[in-house]
Amino acid sequence: MEKMFCLGLVLGMVGGALIVANSYKARSLVKKSQAELLEKVDEMMDERLRETDKGASDKKTK
């Protein structure tokens, strides 16, 4: 059962990679999604850094 699942997973990944490699629309969609994801991650990291900086400065004032 696990072997069939792993085989299906691998075949799906290979099929998806072939579709993206041969389709301009799919490739541009993947690049756009990656850019959006990276932008969101950067925003989240900036927010966390601001929170930790604020917390550290609050500790220094006390």
PDB file of N, CA and C in Angstrom:
ATOM      1  N   MET A   1       0.826  -1.194   0.000  1.00  0.00           N
ATOM      2  CA  MET A   1       0.000   0.000   0.000  1.00  0.00           C
ATOM      3  C   MET A   1       0.868   1.255   0.000  1.00  0.00           C
ATOM      4  N   GLU A   2       1.884   1.269   0.865  1.00  0.00           N
ATOM      5  CA  GLU A   2       2.774   2.423   0.941  1.00  0.00           C
ATOM      6  C   GLU A   2       3.593   2.567  -0.328  1.00  0.00           C
ATOM      7  N   LYS A   3       3.980   1.434  -0.927  1.00  0.00           N
ATOM      8  CA  LYS A   3       4.762   1.488  -2.161  1.00  0.00           C
ATOM      9  C   LYS A   3       3.941   2.102  -3.283  1.00  0.00           C
ATOM     10  N   MET A   4       2.663   1.746  -3.340  1.00  0.00           N
ATOM     11  CA  MET A   4       1.797   2.299  -4.392  1.00  0.00           C
ATOM     12  C   MET A   4       1.589   3.805  -4.183  1.00  0.00           C
ATOM     13  N   PHE A   5       1.456   4.207  -2.933  1.00  0.00           N
ATOM     14  CA  PHE A   5       1.300   5.628  -2.636  1.00  0.00           C
ATOM     15  C   PHE A   5       2.542   6.398  -3.056  1.00  0.00           C
ATOM     16  N   CYS A   6       3.711   5.883  -2.684  1.00  0.00           N
ATOM     17  CA  CYS A   6       4.971   6.549  -3.034  1.00  0.00           C
ATOM     18  C   CYS A   6       5.159   6.583  -4.545  1.00  0.00           C
ATOM     19  N   LEU A   7       4.806   5.507  -5.217  1.00  0.00           N
ATOM     20  CA  LEU A   7       4.910   5.463  -6.677  1.00  0.00           C
ATOM     21  C   LEU A   7       3.980   6.492  -7.316  1.00  0.00           C
ATOM     22  N   GLY A   8       2.770   6.590  -6.824  1.00  0.00           N
ATOM     23  CA  GLY A   8       1.821   7.574  -7.336  1.00  0.00           C
ATOM     24  C   GLY A   8       2.287   8.993  -7.083  1.00  0.00           C
ATOM     25  N   LEU A   9       2.872   9.214  -5.918  1.00  0.00           N
ATOM     26  CA  LEU A   9       3.403  10.537  -5.574  1.00  0.00           C
ATOM     27  C   LEU A   9       4.531  10.928  -6.519  1.00  0.00           C
ATOM     28  N   VAL A  10       5.443  10.009  -6.757  1.00  0.00           N
ATOM     29  CA  VAL A  10       6.578  10.283  -7.648  1.00  0.00           C
ATOM     30  C   VAL A  10       6.086  10.526  -9.073  1.00  0.00           C
ATOM     31  N   LEU A  11       5.175   9.688  -9.545  1.00  0.00           N
ATOM     32  CA  LEU A  11       4.658   9.868 -10.905  1.00  0.00           C
ATOM     33  C   LEU A  11       3.909  11.194 -11.042  1.00  0.00           C
ATOM     34  N   GLY A  12       3.185  11.580 -10.016  1.00  0.00           N
ATOM     35  CA  GLY A  12       2.492  12.863 -10.042  1.00  0.00           C
ATOM     36  C   GLY A  12       3.457  14.029 -10.075  1.00  0.00           C
ATOM     37  N   MET A  13       4.534  13.927  -9.312  1.00  0.00           N
ATOM     38  CA  MET A  13       5.537  14.997  -9.318  1.00  0.00           C
ATOM     39  C   MET A  13       6.221  15.090 -10.677  1.00  0.00           C
ATOM     40  N   VAL A  14       6.558  13.966 -11.256  1.00  0.00           N
ATOM     41  CA  VAL A  14       7.204  13.958 -12.571  1.00  0.00           C
ATOM     42  C   VAL A  14       6.250  14.505 -13.626  1.00  0.00           C
ATOM     43  N   GLY A  15       4.995  14.086 -13.577  1.00  0.00           N
ATOM     44  CA  GLY A  15       4.005  14.596 -14.528  1.00  0.00           C
ATOM     45  C   GLY A  15       3.802  16.087 -14.387  1.00  0.00           C
ATOM     46  N   GLY A  16       3.729  16.569 -13.161  1.00  0.00           N
ATOM     47  CA  GLY A  16       3.581  18.003 -12.932  1.00  0.00           C
ATOM     48  C   GLY A  16       4.782  18.779 -13.427  1.00  0.00           C
ATOM     49  N   ALA A  17       5.969  18.241 -13.206  1.00  0.00           N
ATOM     50  CA  ALA A  17       7.191  18.904 -13.674  1.00  0.00           C
ATOM     51  C   ALA A  17       7.221  18.954 -15.205  1.00  0.00           C
ATOM     52  N   LEU A  18       6.778  17.900 -15.853  1.00  0.00           N
ATOM     53  CA  LEU A  18       6.750  17.893 -17.322  1.00  0.00           C
ATOM     54  C   LEU A  18       5.741  18.900 -17.863  1.00  0.00           C
ATOM     55  N   ILE A  19       4.603  19.002 -17.214  1.00  0.00           N
ATOM     56  CA  ILE A  19       3.584  19.965 -17.656  1.00  0.00           C
ATOM     57  C   ILE A  19       4.118  21.388 -17.510  1.00  0.00           C
ATOM     58  N   VAL A  20       4.725  21.681 -16.366  1.00  0.00           N
ATOM     59  CA  VAL A  20       5.250  23.026 -16.132  1.00  0.00           C
ATOM     60  C   VAL A  20       6.397  23.332 -17.088  1.00  0.00           C
ATOM     61  N   ALA A  21       7.237  22.336 -17.368  1.00  0.00           N
ATOM     62  CA  ALA A  21       8.378  22.561 -18.245  1.00  0.00           C
ATOM     63  C   ALA A  21       7.945  22.823 -19.689  1.00  0.00           C
ATOM     64  N   ASN A  22       6.801  22.271 -20.087  1.00  0.00           N
ATOM     65  CA  ASN A  22       6.385  22.391 -21.479  1.00  0.00           C
ATOM     66  C   ASN A  22       5.277  23.412 -21.706  1.00  0.00           C
ATOM     67  N   SER A  23       4.788  24.042 -20.665  1.00  0.00           N
ATOM     68  CA  SER A  23       3.694  24.990 -20.815  1.00  0.00           C
ATOM     69  C   SER A  23       4.114  26.361 -20.295  1.00  0.00           C
ATOM     70  N   TYR A  24       4.068  27.368 -21.171  1.00  0.00           N
ATOM     71  CA  TYR A  24       4.459  28.720 -20.767  1.00  0.00           C
ATOM     72  C   TYR A  24       3.504  29.264 -19.710  1.00  0.00           C
ATOM     73  N   LYS A  25       2.213  29.029 -19.880  1.00  0.00           N
ATOM     74  CA  LYS A  25       1.229  29.537 -18.915  1.00  0.00           C
ATOM     75  C   LYS A  25       1.454  28.927 -17.538  1.00  0.00           C
ATOM     76  N   ALA A  26       1.662  27.629 -17.501  1.00  0.00           N
ATOM     77  CA  ALA A  26       1.880  26.960 -16.213  1.00  0.00           C
ATOM     78  C   ALA A  26       3.181  27.437 -15.576  1.00  0.00           C
ATOM     79  N   ARG A  27       4.215  27.608 -16.385  1.00  0.00           N
ATOM     80  CA  ARG A  27       5.498  28.065 -15.861  1.00  0.00           C
ATOM     81  C   ARG A  27       5.391  29.473 -15.291  1.00  0.00           C
ATOM     82  N   SER A  28       4.687  30.358 -15.995  1.00  0.00           N
ATOM     83  CA  SER A  28       4.527  31.727 -15.490  1.00  0.00           C
ATOM     84  C   SER A  28       3.656  31.748 -14.238  1.00  0.00           C
ATOM     85  N   LEU A  29       2.671  30.869 -14.160  1.00  0.00           N
ATOM     86  CA  LEU A  29       1.837  30.781 -12.967  1.00  0.00           C
ATOM     87  C   LEU A  29       2.656  30.328 -11.762  1.00  0.00           C
ATOM     88  N   VAL A  30       3.539  29.361 -11.958  1.00  0.00           N
ATOM     89  CA  VAL A  30       4.385  28.868 -10.877  1.00  0.00           C
ATOM     90  C   VAL A  30       5.330  29.974 -10.415  1.00  0.00           C
ATOM     91  N   LYS A  31       5.937  30.695 -11.358  1.00  0.00           N
ATOM     92  CA  LYS A  31       6.852  31.783 -10.988  1.00  0.00           C
ATOM     93  C   LYS A  31       6.126  32.877 -10.233  1.00  0.00           C
ATOM     94  N   LYS A  32       4.914  33.205 -10.670  1.00  0.00           N
ATOM     95  CA  LYS A  32       4.120  34.244 -10.000  1.00  0.00           C
ATOM     96  C   LYS A  32       3.774  33.802  -8.578  1.00  0.00           C
ATOM     97  N   SER A  33       3.373  32.563  -8.424  1.00  0.00           N
ATOM     98  CA  SER A  33       3.023  32.043  -7.101  1.00  0.00           C
ATOM     99  C   SER A  33       4.234  32.024  -6.179  1.00  0.00           C
ATOM    100  N   GLN A  34       5.392  31.659  -6.708  1.00  0.00           N
ATOM    101  CA  GLN A  34       6.602  31.655  -5.905  1.00  0.00           C
ATOM    102  C   GLN A  34       6.949  33.064  -5.447  1.00  0.00           C
ATOM    103  N   ALA A  35       6.822  34.030  -6.337  1.00  0.00           N
ATOM    104  CA  ALA A  35       7.137  35.416  -5.976  1.00  0.00           C
ATOM    105  C   ALA A  35       6.193  35.918  -4.885  1.00  0.00           C
ATOM    106  N   GLU A  36       4.901  35.601  -5.007  1.00  0.00           N
ATOM    107  CA  GLU A  36       3.931  36.022  -3.993  1.00  0.00           C
ATOM    108  C   GLU A  36       4.236  35.371  -2.653  1.00  0.00           C
ATOM    109  N   LEU A  37       4.577  34.108  -2.670  1.00  0.00           N
ATOM    110  CA  LEU A  37       4.889  33.390  -1.438  1.00  0.00           C
ATOM    111  C   LEU A  37       6.125  33.983  -0.765  1.00  0.00           C
ATOM    112  N   LEU A  38       7.169  34.249  -1.549  1.00  0.00           N
ATOM    113  CA  LEU A  38       8.383  34.841  -0.987  1.00  0.00           C
ATOM    114  C   LEU A  38       8.103  36.222  -0.405  1.00  0.00           C
ATOM    115  N   GLU A  39       7.242  36.996  -1.056  1.00  0.00           N
ATOM    116  CA  GLU A  39       6.889  38.322  -0.554  1.00  0.00           C
ATOM    117  C   GLU A  39       6.177  38.217   0.794  1.00  0.00           C
ATOM    118  N   LYS A  40       5.253  37.271   0.911  1.00  0.00           N
ATOM    119  CA  LYS A  40       4.536  37.086   2.171  1.00  0.00           C
ATOM    120  C   LYS A  40       5.479  36.628   3.284  1.00  0.00           C
ATOM    121  N   VAL A  41       6.405  35.734   2.959  1.00  0.00           N
ATOM    122  CA  VAL A  41       7.359  35.263   3.952  1.00  0.00           C
ATOM    123  C   VAL A  41       8.247  36.414   4.414  1.00  0.00           C
ATOM    124  N   ASP A  42       8.687  37.250   3.478  1.00  0.00           N
ATOM    125  CA  ASP A  42       9.500  38.411   3.843  1.00  0.00           C
ATOM    126  C   ASP A  42       8.736  39.349   4.771  1.00  0.00           C
ATOM    127  N   GLU A  43       7.463  39.591   4.469  1.00  0.00           N
ATOM    128  CA  GLU A  43       6.641  40.454   5.324  1.00  0.00           C
ATOM    129  C   GLU A  43       6.513  39.874   6.727  1.00  0.00           C
ATOM    130  N   MET A  44       6.293  38.564   6.815  1.00  0.00           N
ATOM    131  CA  MET A  44       6.155  37.916   8.115  1.00  0.00           C
ATOM    132  C   MET A  44       7.456  38.006   8.907  1.00  0.00           C
ATOM    133  N   MET A  45       8.581  37.799   8.234  1.00  0.00           N
ATOM    134  CA  MET A  45       9.867  37.865   8.924  1.00  0.00           C
ATOM    135  C   MET A  45      10.147  39.289   9.394  1.00  0.00           C
ATOM    136  N   ASP A  46       9.831  40.287   8.567  1.00  0.00           N
ATOM    137  CA  ASP A  46      10.020  41.676   8.979  1.00  0.00           C
ATOM    138  C   ASP A  46       9.179  42.009  10.202  1.00  0.00           C
ATOM    139  N   GLU A  47       7.933  41.515  10.216  1.00  0.00           N
ATOM    140  CA  GLU A  47       7.040  41.759  11.344  1.00  0.00           C
ATOM    141  C   GLU A  47       7.594  41.119  12.618  1.00  0.00           C
ATOM    142  N   ARG A  48       8.088  39.896  12.504  1.00  0.00           N
ATOM    143  CA  ARG A  48       8.644  39.220  13.682  1.00  0.00           C
ATOM    144  C   ARG A  48       9.901  39.920  14.183  1.00  0.00           C
ATOM    145  N   LEU A  49      10.724  40.401  13.257  1.00  0.00           N
ATOM    146  CA  LEU A  49      11.920  41.126  13.671  1.00  0.00           C
ATOM    147  C   LEU A  49      11.559  42.420  14.391  1.00  0.00           C
ATOM    148  N   ARG A  50      10.529  43.113  13.898  1.00  0.00           N
ATOM    149  CA  ARG A  50      10.083  44.330  14.564  1.00  0.00           C
ATOM    150  C   ARG A  50       9.575  44.013  15.962  1.00  0.00           C
ATOM    151  N   GLU A  51       8.839  42.915  16.104  1.00  0.00           N
ATOM    152  CA  GLU A  51       8.316  42.533  17.419  1.00  0.00           C
ATOM    153  C   GLU A  51       9.448  42.201  18.382  1.00  0.00           C
ATOM    154  N   THR A  52      10.455  41.479  17.905  1.00  0.00           N
ATOM    155  CA  THR A  52      11.559  41.127  18.802  1.00  0.00           C
ATOM    156  C   THR A  52      12.384  42.358  19.141  1.00  0.00           C
ATOM    157  N   ASP A  53      12.559  43.264  18.182  1.00  0.00           N
ATOM    158  CA  ASP A  53      13.276  44.511  18.480  1.00  0.00           C
ATOM    159  C   ASP A  53      12.512  45.344  19.496  1.00  0.00           C
ATOM    160  N   LYS A  54      11.194  45.385  19.347  1.00  0.00           N
ATOM    161  CA  LYS A  54      10.358  46.147  20.282  1.00  0.00           C
ATOM    162  C   LYS A  54      10.438  45.521  21.672  1.00  0.00           C
ATOM    163  N   GLY A  55      10.379  44.205  21.736  1.00  0.00           N
ATOM    164  CA  GLY A  55      10.474  43.516  23.023  1.00  0.00           C
ATOM    165  C   GLY A  55      11.823  43.717  23.684  1.00  0.00           C
ATOM    166  N   ALA A  56      12.877  43.720  22.887  1.00  0.00           N
ATOM    167  CA  ALA A  56      14.212  43.935  23.443  1.00  0.00           C
ATOM    168  C   ALA A  56      14.372  45.366  23.938  1.00  0.00           C
ATOM    169  N   SER A  57      13.815  46.325  23.215  1.00  0.00           N
ATOM    170  CA  SER A  57      13.937  47.721  23.652  1.00  0.00           C
ATOM    171  C   SER A  57      13.088  47.970  24.898  1.00  0.00           C
ATOM    172  N   ASP A  58      11.948  47.287  25.007  1.00  0.00           N
ATOM    173  CA  ASP A  58      11.123  47.401  26.225  1.00  0.00           C
ATOM    174  C   ASP A  58      11.866  46.864  27.435  1.00  0.00           C
ATOM    175  N   LYS A  59      12.613  45.793  27.266  1.00  0.00           N
ATOM    176  CA  LYS A  59      13.369  45.213  28.377  1.00  0.00           C
ATOM    177  C   LYS A  59      14.491  46.145  28.810  1.00  0.00           C
ATOM    178  N   LYS A  60      15.096  46.837  27.848  1.00  0.00           N
ATOM    179  CA  LYS A  60      16.198  47.743  28.171  1.00  0.00           C
ATOM    180  C   LYS A  60      15.707  48.953  28.969  1.00  0.00           C
ATOM    181  N   THR A  61      14.485  49.429  28.659  1.00  0.00           N
ATOM    182  CA  THR A  61      13.952  50.619  29.358  1.00  0.00           C
ATOM    183  C   THR A  61      13.530  50.284  30.778  1.00  0.00           C
ATOM    184  N   LYS A  62      13.249  49.014  31.067  1.00  0.00           N
ATOM    185  CA  LYS A  62      12.801  48.636  32.416  1.00  0.00           C
ATOM    186  C   LYS A  62      13.981  48.466  33.251  1.00  0.00           C
TER     187      LYS A  62
END
